[in-house]
Amino acid sequence: MELGYEVSDPIPLHGDNKGTVDLVLNPVTRRRSKHIPIKHHTIREYVEEGLIDLIRTPTNEMLADGLTKPHAHVQLSNFVTGLGLT
């Protein structure tokens, strides 16, 4: 609303960390997941409310990685094309 847009569909949120995505989508509490940061619980609430659609995306398909990590020329070209840059 602050940006002047009304959002009626869930916002897609892509993540490449399988453990995190699985934990958010399947809220099973185990001994190792006892001390999860509050931000993960918040994301879980947003998914349950239908505000966010959490999607598991493999690292090699994450287009934003082309802007934040070093890559070989071929892989960087794929990121540039995927982002619609020239």
Protein backbone atom coordinates (compact mmCIF):
# COMPACT_ATOMS: atom_id res chain seq x y z
CA MET A 1 0.00 0.00 0.00
CA GLU A 2 2.91 2.36 0.71
CA LEU A 3 4.02 2.06 -2.92
CA GLY A 4 0.56 2.71 -4.27
CA TYR A 5 -0.14 -0.85 -5.43
CA GLU A 6 -2.82 -3.23 -4.27
CA VAL A 7 -1.63 -6.81 -4.11
CA SER A 8 -4.35 -9.44 -4.30
CA ASP A 9 -2.24 -12.53 -5.09
CA PRO A 10 0.50 -14.02 -2.91
CA ILE A 11 3.94 -12.54 -3.59
CA PRO A 12 6.33 -15.23 -4.89
CA LEU A 13 9.45 -15.53 -2.72
CA HIS A 14 12.19 -17.72 -4.18
CA GLY A 15 14.70 -19.43 -1.90
CA ASP A 16 17.56 -21.80 -2.67
CA ASN A 17 18.02 -23.15 0.86
CA LYS A 18 16.11 -26.45 0.87
CA GLY A 19 16.18 -26.77 4.65
CA THR A 20 14.71 -23.33 5.19
CA VAL A 21 11.97 -23.77 2.59
CA ASP A 22 11.07 -27.21 4.00
CA LEU A 23 10.97 -25.87 7.56
CA VAL A 24 8.68 -22.99 6.62
CA LEU A 25 6.32 -25.18 4.59
CA ASN A 26 6.30 -28.07 7.09
CA PRO A 27 6.25 -26.60 10.62
CA VAL A 28 7.58 -29.63 12.47
CA THR A 29 9.54 -28.77 15.60
CA ARG A 30 12.62 -30.83 16.27
CA ARG A 31 15.47 -30.50 18.71
CA ARG A 32 17.70 -28.79 16.11
CA SER A 33 14.94 -26.37 15.08
CA LYS A 34 14.24 -25.21 18.63
CA HIS A 35 16.13 -21.91 18.33
CA ILE A 36 14.87 -20.66 14.99
CA PRO A 37 15.09 -16.88 14.54
CA ILE A 38 11.82 -14.95 14.71
CA LYS A 39 12.10 -13.97 11.02
CA HIS A 40 11.44 -17.60 10.00
CA HIS A 41 8.29 -17.71 12.13
CA THR A 42 7.15 -14.45 10.52
CA ILE A 43 7.63 -15.88 7.02
CA ARG A 44 5.72 -19.00 8.08
CA GLU A 45 2.81 -16.78 9.21
CA TYR A 46 2.85 -14.90 5.89
CA VAL A 47 2.71 -18.22 3.99
CA GLU A 48 -0.20 -19.43 6.15
CA GLU A 49 -2.07 -16.15 5.58
CA GLY A 50 -1.55 -16.44 1.82
CA LEU A 51 0.54 -13.25 1.59
CA ILE A 52 3.70 -15.04 0.39
CA ASP A 53 4.14 -18.05 -1.87
CA LEU A 54 7.48 -19.64 -0.92
CA ILE A 55 9.11 -21.39 -3.88
CA ARG A 56 12.19 -23.61 -3.80
CA THR A 57 14.45 -22.50 -6.65
CA PRO A 58 17.82 -24.21 -7.28
CA THR A 59 20.88 -21.98 -6.93
CA ASN A 60 21.76 -22.19 -10.64
CA GLU A 61 18.32 -20.71 -11.49
CA MET A 62 18.49 -17.77 -9.06
CA LEU A 63 18.79 -14.78 -11.41
CA ALA A 64 19.80 -12.36 -8.64
CA ASP A 65 22.97 -14.42 -8.03
CA GLY A 66 24.35 -13.02 -11.28
CA LEU A 67 24.53 -9.64 -9.55
CA THR A 68 25.97 -10.82 -6.24
CA LYS A 69 28.39 -13.69 -6.98
CA PRO A 70 31.23 -14.34 -9.42
CA HIS A 71 30.32 -16.69 -12.28
CA ALA A 72 31.85 -18.16 -15.42
CA HIS A 73 31.08 -16.26 -18.63
CA VAL A 74 28.45 -18.75 -19.88
CA GLN A 75 26.55 -18.75 -16.59
CA LEU A 76 26.76 -14.96 -16.33
CA SER A 77 25.34 -14.68 -19.86
CA ASN A 78 22.37 -16.80 -18.77
CA PHE A 79 21.72 -14.49 -15.82
CA VAL A 80 21.96 -11.38 -18.02
CA THR A 81 19.51 -12.87 -20.53
CA GLY A 82 17.16 -14.02 -17.77
CA LEU A 83 17.06 -10.53 -16.27
CA GLY A 84 16.39 -8.98 -19.68
CA LEU A 85 19.65 -7.00 -19.67
CA THR A 86 21.98 -6.38 -22.60
